[in-house]
Amino acid sequence: MEEIRIPKNQLLLVMGLLMGPVAIILGVYFYSLAGGPSIRSPLIVQMVGVFISLSGLLALALVIHQFIYPSTLVINENGISSHISFGFVPWSEIVSIELYERVEGVGKQRVNVKGVLIKAKDPEKILGEIRGLKKFGPNRSFRLRGSPIFIPDVNWSWRLDKIHEKLQAYWAQYSRKSGA
């Protein structure tokens, strides 16, 4: 089977590209507004302006980074690779692949979470291989769902059921080849 590359949802990138400059302009406007006669605390208005501008600049930087180094989910005969969080997971480490849909959170912060949950033989080994800030998502997924490998629905340009179907097909092919 050929290698499949599933890109991130382009709508999120376009929104970031459009909203970044808007936030920068809005932040500069707030900063310049601080000197007006009707403003009681110009320092706070300036701080808000700087914060909004920096947020817009960060959004632009992240979007540009995504265009230079696109985050994709790669599925091939060797395993699954995500350039976003969990890195590379060989098929030999995978125990099961299942659709996941639950309500998570506490109190008013409850959200309906959909995705593909991939259970691994040794989740601690996978967590040990992840470095830096990329470890935050898999650690949280491991605490909540019992597996560090979770592919959320909102990130990808493909539908979740199609991703699940492709993962199942590749995993079945690996299982037939290895005799497992």
N, C-alpha and C. Protein backbone atom coordinates (compact mmCIF):
# COMPACT_ATOMS: atom_id res chain seq x y z
N MET A 1 0.84 -1.19 0.00
CA MET A 1 0.00 0.00 0.00
C MET A 1 0.88 1.25 0.00
N GLU A 2 0.40 2.25 -0.66
CA GLU A 2 1.17 3.49 -0.76
C GLU A 2 1.05 4.31 0.53
N GLU A 3 1.95 5.25 0.67
CA GLU A 3 1.95 6.13 1.84
C GLU A 3 0.82 7.15 1.71
N ILE A 4 0.12 7.37 2.80
CA ILE A 4 -0.97 8.35 2.83
C ILE A 4 -0.56 9.51 3.72
N ARG A 5 -0.70 10.72 3.21
CA ARG A 5 -0.42 11.93 3.98
C ARG A 5 -1.72 12.70 4.13
N ILE A 6 -2.14 12.90 5.38
CA ILE A 6 -3.38 13.62 5.66
C ILE A 6 -2.99 14.99 6.22
N PRO A 7 -3.23 16.07 5.46
CA PRO A 7 -2.84 17.41 5.94
C PRO A 7 -3.83 17.94 6.97
N LYS A 8 -3.37 18.99 7.66
CA LYS A 8 -4.25 19.66 8.61
C LYS A 8 -5.35 20.40 7.85
N ASN A 9 -6.38 20.75 8.57
CA ASN A 9 -7.50 21.49 8.02
C ASN A 9 -7.03 22.89 7.58
N GLN A 10 -7.20 23.21 6.30
CA GLN A 10 -6.72 24.48 5.76
C GLN A 10 -7.53 25.68 6.25
N LEU A 11 -8.77 25.46 6.66
CA LEU A 11 -9.60 26.55 7.16
C LEU A 11 -8.97 27.20 8.39
N LEU A 12 -8.39 26.39 9.27
CA LEU A 12 -7.74 26.94 10.46
C LEU A 12 -6.54 27.81 10.08
N LEU A 13 -5.79 27.39 9.07
CA LEU A 13 -4.64 28.18 8.63
C LEU A 13 -5.08 29.50 8.00
N VAL A 14 -6.13 29.46 7.19
CA VAL A 14 -6.63 30.68 6.56
C VAL A 14 -7.16 31.65 7.61
N MET A 15 -7.87 31.12 8.60
CA MET A 15 -8.37 31.99 9.67
C MET A 15 -7.23 32.63 10.44
N GLY A 16 -6.19 31.86 10.72
CA GLY A 16 -5.02 32.42 11.40
C GLY A 16 -4.32 33.46 10.56
N LEU A 17 -4.25 33.22 9.26
CA LEU A 17 -3.62 34.17 8.35
C LEU A 17 -4.40 35.47 8.26
N LEU A 18 -5.72 35.39 8.32
CA LEU A 18 -6.55 36.60 8.26
C LEU A 18 -6.62 37.32 9.61
N MET A 19 -6.71 36.57 10.68
CA MET A 19 -6.91 37.18 11.99
C MET A 19 -5.62 37.72 12.60
N GLY A 20 -4.47 37.21 12.20
CA GLY A 20 -3.20 37.70 12.72
C GLY A 20 -3.00 39.19 12.47
N PRO A 21 -3.08 39.64 11.20
CA PRO A 21 -2.92 41.08 10.93
C PRO A 21 -4.02 41.93 11.57
N VAL A 22 -5.24 41.40 11.64
CA VAL A 22 -6.33 42.14 12.28
C VAL A 22 -6.01 42.37 13.75
N ALA A 23 -5.49 41.35 14.42
CA ALA A 23 -5.13 41.49 15.83
C ALA A 23 -3.98 42.48 16.00
N ILE A 24 -3.02 42.45 15.10
CA ILE A 24 -1.90 43.40 15.20
C ILE A 24 -2.39 44.83 15.04
N ILE A 25 -3.24 45.07 14.05
CA ILE A 25 -3.79 46.41 13.82
C ILE A 25 -4.63 46.85 15.01
N LEU A 26 -5.45 45.96 15.55
CA LEU A 26 -6.27 46.29 16.71
C LEU A 26 -5.40 46.61 17.93
N GLY A 27 -4.33 45.86 18.12
CA GLY A 27 -3.41 46.12 19.22
C GLY A 27 -2.72 47.46 19.10
N VAL A 28 -2.29 47.81 17.88
CA VAL A 28 -1.65 49.12 17.66
C VAL A 28 -2.66 50.24 17.90
N TYR A 29 -3.91 50.02 17.50
CA TYR A 29 -4.96 51.01 17.74
C TYR A 29 -5.17 51.22 19.24
N PHE A 30 -5.25 50.14 20.00
CA PHE A 30 -5.40 50.26 21.46
C PHE A 30 -4.21 50.99 22.07
N TYR A 31 -3.01 50.66 21.61
CA TYR A 31 -1.81 51.29 22.15
C TYR A 31 -1.83 52.80 21.89
N SER A 32 -2.24 53.19 20.67
CA SER A 32 -2.27 54.62 20.35
C SER A 32 -3.43 55.33 21.04
N LEU A 33 -4.47 54.60 21.38
CA LEU A 33 -5.64 55.16 22.06
C LEU A 33 -5.33 55.54 23.51
N ALA A 34 -4.27 54.99 24.07
CA ALA A 34 -3.95 55.19 25.49
C ALA A 34 -3.64 56.64 25.83
N GLY A 35 -3.23 57.43 24.89
CA GLY A 35 -2.89 58.83 25.17
C GLY A 35 -4.09 59.76 25.15
N GLY A 36 -5.28 59.25 24.90
CA GLY A 36 -6.49 60.07 24.80
C GLY A 36 -6.90 60.66 26.14
N PRO A 37 -7.66 61.77 26.11
CA PRO A 37 -8.04 62.45 27.35
C PRO A 37 -9.08 61.69 28.18
N SER A 38 -9.87 60.82 27.58
CA SER A 38 -10.93 60.14 28.33
C SER A 38 -10.47 58.82 28.94
N ILE A 39 -9.22 58.44 28.77
CA ILE A 39 -8.69 57.19 29.30
C ILE A 39 -8.13 57.44 30.70
N ARG A 40 -8.68 56.71 31.69
CA ARG A 40 -8.24 56.90 33.08
C ARG A 40 -6.93 56.19 33.38
N SER A 41 -6.74 55.03 32.82
CA SER A 41 -5.50 54.29 33.10
C SER A 41 -4.83 53.91 31.77
N PRO A 42 -4.03 54.81 31.23
CA PRO A 42 -3.40 54.55 29.92
C PRO A 42 -2.44 53.36 29.93
N LEU A 43 -1.83 53.09 31.07
CA LEU A 43 -0.88 51.97 31.13
C LEU A 43 -1.59 50.63 30.86
N ILE A 44 -2.78 50.46 31.42
CA ILE A 44 -3.54 49.22 31.20
C ILE A 44 -3.95 49.11 29.74
N VAL A 45 -4.38 50.21 29.14
CA VAL A 45 -4.78 50.19 27.73
C VAL A 45 -3.57 49.86 26.85
N GLN A 46 -2.41 50.42 27.18
CA GLN A 46 -1.20 50.10 26.43
C GLN A 46 -0.83 48.62 26.58
N MET A 47 -0.95 48.10 27.80
CA MET A 47 -0.63 46.69 28.02
C MET A 47 -1.58 45.79 27.23
N VAL A 48 -2.86 46.13 27.20
CA VAL A 48 -3.82 45.36 26.41
C VAL A 48 -3.46 45.42 24.93
N GLY A 49 -3.09 46.60 24.45
CA GLY A 49 -2.69 46.76 23.05
C GLY A 49 -1.47 45.92 22.70
N VAL A 50 -0.48 45.94 23.58
CA VAL A 50 0.73 45.14 23.34
C VAL A 50 0.39 43.65 23.35
N PHE A 51 -0.46 43.22 24.30
CA PHE A 51 -0.85 41.81 24.38
C PHE A 51 -1.58 41.37 23.11
N ILE A 52 -2.51 42.18 22.64
CA ILE A 52 -3.27 41.83 21.42
C ILE A 52 -2.33 41.77 20.22
N SER A 53 -1.41 42.74 20.11
CA SER A 53 -0.46 42.74 19.00
C SER A 53 0.45 41.51 19.03
N LEU A 54 0.94 41.17 20.23
CA LEU A 54 1.80 39.99 20.34
C LEU A 54 1.04 38.71 20.01
N SER A 55 -0.23 38.65 20.39
CA SER A 55 -1.05 37.48 20.05
C SER A 55 -1.21 37.36 18.54
N GLY A 56 -1.45 38.47 17.86
CA GLY A 56 -1.56 38.46 16.41
C GLY A 56 -0.25 38.06 15.75
N LEU A 57 0.86 38.55 16.29
CA LEU A 57 2.17 38.20 15.76
C LEU A 57 2.45 36.71 15.95
N LEU A 58 2.08 36.17 17.11
CA LEU A 58 2.25 34.75 17.36
C LEU A 58 1.39 33.92 16.40
N ALA A 59 0.15 34.35 16.16
CA ALA A 59 -0.73 33.64 15.22
C ALA A 59 -0.11 33.62 13.82
N LEU A 60 0.41 34.76 13.39
CA LEU A 60 1.07 34.81 12.07
C LEU A 60 2.29 33.90 12.02
N ALA A 61 3.09 33.91 13.08
CA ALA A 61 4.29 33.07 13.11
C ALA A 61 3.91 31.59 13.04
N LEU A 62 2.86 31.20 13.77
CA LEU A 62 2.43 29.80 13.73
C LEU A 62 1.90 29.40 12.35
N VAL A 63 1.17 30.29 11.71
CA VAL A 63 0.65 30.00 10.37
C VAL A 63 1.79 29.88 9.37
N ILE A 64 2.75 30.79 9.43
CA ILE A 64 3.91 30.72 8.53
C ILE A 64 4.69 29.44 8.78
N HIS A 65 4.84 29.06 10.05
CA HIS A 65 5.53 27.81 10.38
C HIS A 65 4.79 26.62 9.78
N GLN A 66 3.46 26.64 9.80
CA GLN A 66 2.67 25.55 9.22
C GLN A 66 2.83 25.47 7.70
N PHE A 67 3.00 26.62 7.05
CA PHE A 67 3.21 26.60 5.60
C PHE A 67 4.60 26.08 5.25
N ILE A 68 5.60 26.40 6.07
CA ILE A 68 6.97 25.95 5.81
C ILE A 68 7.13 24.47 6.19
N TYR A 69 6.66 24.11 7.38
CA TYR A 69 6.74 22.74 7.88
C TYR A 69 5.32 22.22 8.12
N PRO A 70 4.66 21.72 7.09
CA PRO A 70 3.26 21.31 7.26
C PRO A 70 3.13 20.11 8.21
N SER A 71 2.15 20.20 9.08
CA SER A 71 1.86 19.10 10.00
C SER A 71 0.93 18.13 9.29
N THR A 72 1.40 16.93 9.17
CA THR A 72 0.59 15.92 8.49
C THR A 72 0.57 14.65 9.32
N LEU A 73 -0.44 13.87 9.08
CA LEU A 73 -0.53 12.53 9.65
C LEU A 73 -0.11 11.59 8.53
N VAL A 74 0.94 10.81 8.75
CA VAL A 74 1.47 9.93 7.72
C VAL A 74 1.17 8.49 8.11
N ILE A 75 0.54 7.77 7.19
CA ILE A 75 0.23 6.35 7.39
C ILE A 75 0.92 5.58 6.28
N ASN A 76 1.79 4.64 6.66
CA ASN A 76 2.46 3.80 5.66
C ASN A 76 2.64 2.39 6.20
N GLU A 77 3.37 1.55 5.47
CA GLU A 77 3.51 0.15 5.88
C GLU A 77 4.36 -0.02 7.14
N ASN A 78 5.11 1.01 7.54
CA ASN A 78 5.93 0.92 8.74
C ASN A 78 5.19 1.29 10.01
N GLY A 79 4.22 2.23 9.90
CA GLY A 79 3.50 2.67 11.08
C GLY A 79 2.79 4.00 10.85
N ILE A 80 2.51 4.69 11.95
CA ILE A 80 1.82 5.97 11.92
C ILE A 80 2.78 7.03 12.43
N SER A 81 2.79 8.16 11.75
CA SER A 81 3.65 9.25 12.17
C SER A 81 2.86 10.55 12.19
N SER A 82 2.98 11.27 13.29
CA SER A 82 2.33 12.57 13.40
C SER A 82 3.40 13.59 13.72
N HIS A 83 3.48 14.62 12.91
CA HIS A 83 4.47 15.67 13.15
C HIS A 83 3.95 16.68 14.15
N ILE A 84 2.79 16.42 14.74
CA ILE A 84 2.22 17.34 15.72
C ILE A 84 2.60 16.94 17.13
N SER A 85 2.34 15.68 17.50
CA SER A 85 2.59 15.35 18.90
C SER A 85 3.35 14.05 19.11
N PHE A 86 2.77 12.92 18.77
CA PHE A 86 3.31 11.66 19.26
C PHE A 86 4.46 11.09 18.45
N GLY A 87 4.82 11.67 17.32
CA GLY A 87 5.94 11.18 16.54
C GLY A 87 5.60 9.92 15.76
N PHE A 88 6.53 8.96 15.74
CA PHE A 88 6.34 7.73 14.96
C PHE A 88 5.99 6.57 15.88
N VAL A 89 4.97 5.81 15.49
CA VAL A 89 4.57 4.60 16.22
C VAL A 89 4.51 3.45 15.21
N PRO A 90 5.37 2.42 15.38
CA PRO A 90 5.33 1.29 14.45
C PRO A 90 4.09 0.43 14.68
N TRP A 91 3.67 -0.28 13.65
CA TRP A 91 2.48 -1.13 13.75
C TRP A 91 2.66 -2.20 14.82
N SER A 92 3.90 -2.64 15.05
CA SER A 92 4.14 -3.69 16.04
C SER A 92 3.82 -3.24 17.46
N GLU A 93 3.79 -1.94 17.71
CA GLU A 93 3.47 -1.40 19.05
C GLU A 93 1.98 -1.22 19.27
N ILE A 94 1.17 -1.34 18.23
CA ILE A 94 -0.26 -1.02 18.33
C ILE A 94 -1.05 -2.26 18.72
N VAL A 95 -1.94 -2.09 19.70
CA VAL A 95 -2.80 -3.17 20.19
C VAL A 95 -4.19 -3.07 19.57
N SER A 96 -4.76 -1.85 19.55
CA SER A 96 -6.09 -1.66 18.98
C SER A 96 -6.25 -0.23 18.46
N ILE A 97 -7.17 -0.09 17.51
CA ILE A 97 -7.52 1.21 16.94
C ILE A 97 -9.03 1.33 17.02
N GLU A 98 -9.50 2.36 17.73
CA GLU A 98 -10.95 2.49 17.92
C GLU A 98 -11.39 3.95 17.82
N LEU A 99 -12.63 4.12 17.41
CA LEU A 99 -13.22 5.46 17.41
C LEU A 99 -13.54 5.83 18.85
N TYR A 100 -13.30 7.08 19.20
CA TYR A 100 -13.49 7.55 20.57
C TYR A 100 -14.42 8.75 20.54
N GLU A 101 -15.48 8.69 21.33
CA GLU A 101 -16.39 9.83 21.44
C GLU A 101 -16.93 9.86 22.86
N ARG A 102 -16.54 10.88 23.61
CA ARG A 102 -16.99 11.02 24.99
C ARG A 102 -17.11 12.49 25.34
N VAL A 103 -17.84 12.74 26.42
CA VAL A 103 -17.90 14.08 26.98
C VAL A 103 -16.86 14.15 28.08
N GLU A 104 -15.91 15.09 27.94
CA GLU A 104 -14.84 15.23 28.92
C GLU A 104 -14.91 16.60 29.56
N GLY A 105 -14.41 16.70 30.76
CA GLY A 105 -14.37 17.97 31.46
C GLY A 105 -15.14 17.92 32.76
N VAL A 106 -15.12 19.05 33.47
CA VAL A 106 -15.76 19.15 34.77
C VAL A 106 -16.66 20.37 34.78
N GLY A 107 -17.84 20.24 35.35
CA GLY A 107 -18.73 21.39 35.51
C GLY A 107 -19.16 21.97 34.18
N LYS A 108 -18.98 23.28 34.04
CA LYS A 108 -19.38 23.97 32.81
C LYS A 108 -18.36 23.80 31.68
N GLN A 109 -17.17 23.32 31.99
CA GLN A 109 -16.12 23.13 30.99
C GLN A 109 -16.19 21.73 30.39
N ARG A 110 -17.36 21.29 30.00
CA ARG A 110 -17.52 19.98 29.39
C ARG A 110 -17.54 20.12 27.87
N VAL A 111 -16.82 19.23 27.21
CA VAL A 111 -16.77 19.24 25.75
C VAL A 111 -16.94 17.83 25.21
N ASN A 112 -17.54 17.75 24.04
CA ASN A 112 -17.68 16.48 23.35
C ASN A 112 -16.42 16.25 22.53
N VAL A 113 -15.67 15.22 22.85
CA VAL A 113 -14.39 14.94 22.20
C VAL A 113 -14.56 13.74 21.28
N LYS A 114 -14.16 13.92 20.02
CA LYS A 114 -14.18 12.83 19.03
C LYS A 114 -12.77 12.64 18.50
N GLY A 115 -12.45 11.41 18.20
CA GLY A 115 -11.15 11.14 17.63
C GLY A 115 -10.93 9.65 17.45
N VAL A 116 -9.71 9.31 17.03
CA VAL A 116 -9.29 7.92 16.91
C VAL A 116 -8.29 7.66 18.03
N LEU A 117 -8.61 6.69 18.87
CA LEU A 117 -7.75 6.32 19.98
C LEU A 117 -6.98 5.06 19.60
N ILE A 118 -5.66 5.15 19.69
CA ILE A 118 -4.80 4.03 19.32
C ILE A 118 -4.11 3.54 20.59
N LYS A 119 -4.43 2.32 20.99
CA LYS A 119 -3.85 1.73 22.20
C LYS A 119 -2.53 1.06 21.84
N ALA A 120 -1.52 1.31 22.67
CA ALA A 120 -0.18 0.78 22.42
C ALA A 120 0.17 -0.28 23.45
N LYS A 121 1.12 -1.16 23.09
CA LYS A 121 1.59 -2.19 24.02
C LYS A 121 2.29 -1.56 25.22
N ASP A 122 3.16 -0.59 24.95
CA ASP A 122 3.93 0.05 26.01
C ASP A 122 3.81 1.57 25.90
N PRO A 123 2.74 2.15 26.48
CA PRO A 123 2.53 3.60 26.36
C PRO A 123 3.64 4.43 27.02
N GLU A 124 4.23 3.89 28.11
CA GLU A 124 5.31 4.64 28.78
C GLU A 124 6.53 4.80 27.88
N LYS A 125 6.79 3.80 27.06
CA LYS A 125 7.92 3.87 26.12
C LYS A 125 7.68 4.99 25.09
N ILE A 126 6.45 5.07 24.59
CA ILE A 126 6.11 6.13 23.63
C ILE A 126 6.22 7.49 24.28
N LEU A 127 5.72 7.62 25.51
CA LEU A 127 5.82 8.89 26.23
C LEU A 127 7.28 9.26 26.50
N GLY A 128 8.12 8.26 26.73
CA GLY A 128 9.53 8.51 26.99
C GLY A 128 10.28 9.03 25.77
N GLU A 129 9.80 8.69 24.57
CA GLU A 129 10.46 9.13 23.34
C GLU A 129 10.08 10.54 22.93
N ILE A 130 8.99 11.06 23.47
CA ILE A 130 8.52 12.40 23.10
C ILE A 130 9.27 13.43 23.93
N ARG A 131 9.73 14.48 23.30
CA ARG A 131 10.53 15.50 23.98
C ARG A 131 9.84 16.87 23.92
N GLY A 132 10.18 17.71 24.88
CA GLY A 132 9.77 19.12 24.87
C GLY A 132 8.29 19.34 25.09
N LEU A 133 7.79 20.41 24.49
CA LEU A 133 6.39 20.79 24.65
C LEU A 133 5.44 19.81 23.98
N LYS A 134 5.95 19.00 23.05
CA LYS A 134 5.09 18.03 22.37
C LYS A 134 4.59 16.95 23.34
N LYS A 135 5.19 16.87 24.52
CA LYS A 135 4.82 15.84 25.49
C LYS A 135 3.52 16.18 26.22
N PHE A 136 3.11 17.44 26.23
CA PHE A 136 1.92 17.87 26.97
C PHE A 136 0.65 17.16 26.50
N GLY A 137 0.39 17.14 25.21
CA GLY A 137 -0.82 16.51 24.67
C GLY A 137 -0.87 15.01 24.91
N PRO A 138 0.17 14.26 24.56
CA PRO A 138 0.15 12.82 24.82
C PRO A 138 0.05 12.46 26.31
N ASN A 139 0.70 13.25 27.19
CA ASN A 139 0.58 13.00 28.63
C ASN A 139 -0.86 13.15 29.08
N ARG A 140 -1.51 14.21 28.63
CA ARG A 140 -2.91 14.46 29.00
C ARG A 140 -3.80 13.35 28.43
N SER A 141 -3.55 12.97 27.20
CA SER A 141 -4.33 11.89 26.58
C SER A 141 -4.15 10.58 27.36
N PHE A 142 -2.94 10.32 27.81
CA PHE A 142 -2.68 9.09 28.57
C PHE A 142 -3.44 9.10 29.89
N ARG A 143 -3.46 10.24 30.57
CA ARG A 143 -4.19 10.34 31.85
C ARG A 143 -5.70 10.20 31.64
N LEU A 144 -6.24 10.83 30.59
CA LEU A 144 -7.69 10.82 30.38
C LEU A 144 -8.21 9.55 29.70
N ARG A 145 -7.45 9.05 28.72
CA ARG A 145 -7.98 7.99 27.86
C ARG A 145 -7.22 6.67 27.97
N GLY A 146 -6.09 6.66 28.66
CA GLY A 146 -5.32 5.43 28.81
C GLY A 146 -4.35 5.15 27.69
N SER A 147 -4.23 6.07 26.73
CA SER A 147 -3.29 5.91 25.63
C SER A 147 -2.75 7.27 25.20
N PRO A 148 -1.44 7.38 24.96
CA PRO A 148 -0.90 8.67 24.53
C PRO A 148 -1.18 9.01 23.07
N ILE A 149 -1.67 8.04 22.31
CA ILE A 149 -1.87 8.25 20.88
C ILE A 149 -3.35 8.52 20.62
N PHE A 150 -3.67 9.77 20.39
CA PHE A 150 -5.04 10.18 20.13
C PHE A 150 -5.03 11.13 18.94
N ILE A 151 -5.84 10.84 17.94
CA ILE A 151 -5.93 11.68 16.75
C ILE A 151 -7.28 12.40 16.82
N PRO A 152 -7.28 13.69 17.19
CA PRO A 152 -8.56 14.40 17.32
C PRO A 152 -9.20 14.70 15.98
N ASP A 153 -10.51 14.87 16.01
CA ASP A 153 -11.30 15.08 14.80
C ASP A 153 -11.07 16.45 14.18
N VAL A 154 -10.86 17.46 14.96
CA VAL A 154 -10.88 18.84 14.45
C VAL A 154 -9.66 19.23 13.64
N ASN A 155 -8.57 18.51 13.73
CA ASN A 155 -7.33 18.96 13.10
C ASN A 155 -7.20 18.65 11.62
N TRP A 156 -7.85 17.63 11.13
CA TRP A 156 -7.49 17.09 9.83
C TRP A 156 -8.48 17.46 8.73
N SER A 157 -8.00 17.42 7.50
CA SER A 157 -8.84 17.76 6.35
C SER A 157 -9.71 16.57 5.93
N TRP A 158 -9.42 15.38 6.40
CA TRP A 158 -10.23 14.21 6.11
C TRP A 158 -11.27 14.02 7.21
N ARG A 159 -12.34 13.30 6.87
CA ARG A 159 -13.34 12.95 7.88
C ARG A 159 -12.76 11.87 8.80
N LEU A 160 -13.21 11.88 10.04
CA LEU A 160 -12.68 10.97 11.05
C LEU A 160 -12.92 9.50 10.70
N ASP A 161 -14.08 9.18 10.18
CA ASP A 161 -14.37 7.78 9.85
C ASP A 161 -13.48 7.28 8.71
N LYS A 162 -13.11 8.16 7.79
CA LYS A 162 -12.21 7.78 6.70
C LYS A 162 -10.80 7.53 7.22
N ILE A 163 -10.34 8.37 8.16
CA ILE A 163 -9.03 8.16 8.78
C ILE A 163 -9.02 6.82 9.52
N HIS A 164 -10.08 6.56 10.28
CA HIS A 164 -10.20 5.31 11.04
C HIS A 164 -10.19 4.11 10.10
N GLU A 165 -10.90 4.22 8.99
CA GLU A 165 -10.97 3.14 8.01
C GLU A 165 -9.58 2.84 7.42
N LYS A 166 -8.84 3.89 7.07
CA LYS A 166 -7.49 3.70 6.50
C LYS A 166 -6.55 3.09 7.54
N LEU A 167 -6.63 3.57 8.78
CA LEU A 167 -5.78 3.01 9.84
C LEU A 167 -6.09 1.53 10.05
N GLN A 168 -7.36 1.17 10.06
CA GLN A 168 -7.76 -0.23 10.22
C GLN A 168 -7.24 -1.08 9.07
N ALA A 169 -7.32 -0.56 7.84
CA ALA A 169 -6.86 -1.31 6.67
C ALA A 169 -5.35 -1.56 6.74
N TYR A 170 -4.58 -0.53 7.08
CA TYR A 170 -3.13 -0.69 7.17
C TYR A 170 -2.75 -1.62 8.32
N TRP A 171 -3.45 -1.50 9.44
CA TRP A 171 -3.16 -2.36 10.59
C TRP A 171 -3.49 -3.82 10.27
N ALA A 172 -4.61 -4.06 9.57
CA ALA A 172 -4.98 -5.42 9.17
C ALA A 172 -3.94 -5.99 8.21
N GLN A 173 -3.46 -5.17 7.29
CA GLN A 173 -2.43 -5.63 6.36
C GLN A 173 -1.15 -6.00 7.11
N TYR A 174 -0.75 -5.18 8.08
CA TYR A 174 0.44 -5.49 8.88
C TYR A 174 0.23 -6.79 9.66
N SER A 175 -0.96 -6.96 10.24
CA SER A 175 -1.25 -8.17 11.03
C SER A 175 -1.18 -9.42 10.16
N ARG A 176 -1.67 -9.33 8.91
CA ARG A 176 -1.59 -10.48 7.99
C ARG A 176 -0.14 -10.80 7.64
N LYS A 177 0.66 -9.76 7.38
CA LYS A 177 2.06 -9.97 7.01
C LYS A 177 2.86 -10.58 8.15
N SER A 178 2.63 -10.07 9.36
CA SER A 178 3.42 -10.53 10.51
C SER A 178 2.89 -11.82 11.11
N GLY A 179 1.66 -12.20 10.74
CA GLY A 179 1.08 -13.43 11.26
C GLY A 179 0.58 -13.29 12.68
N ALA A 180 0.33 -12.05 13.10
CA ALA A 180 -0.13 -11.83 14.48
C ALA A 180 -1.61 -12.04 14.61
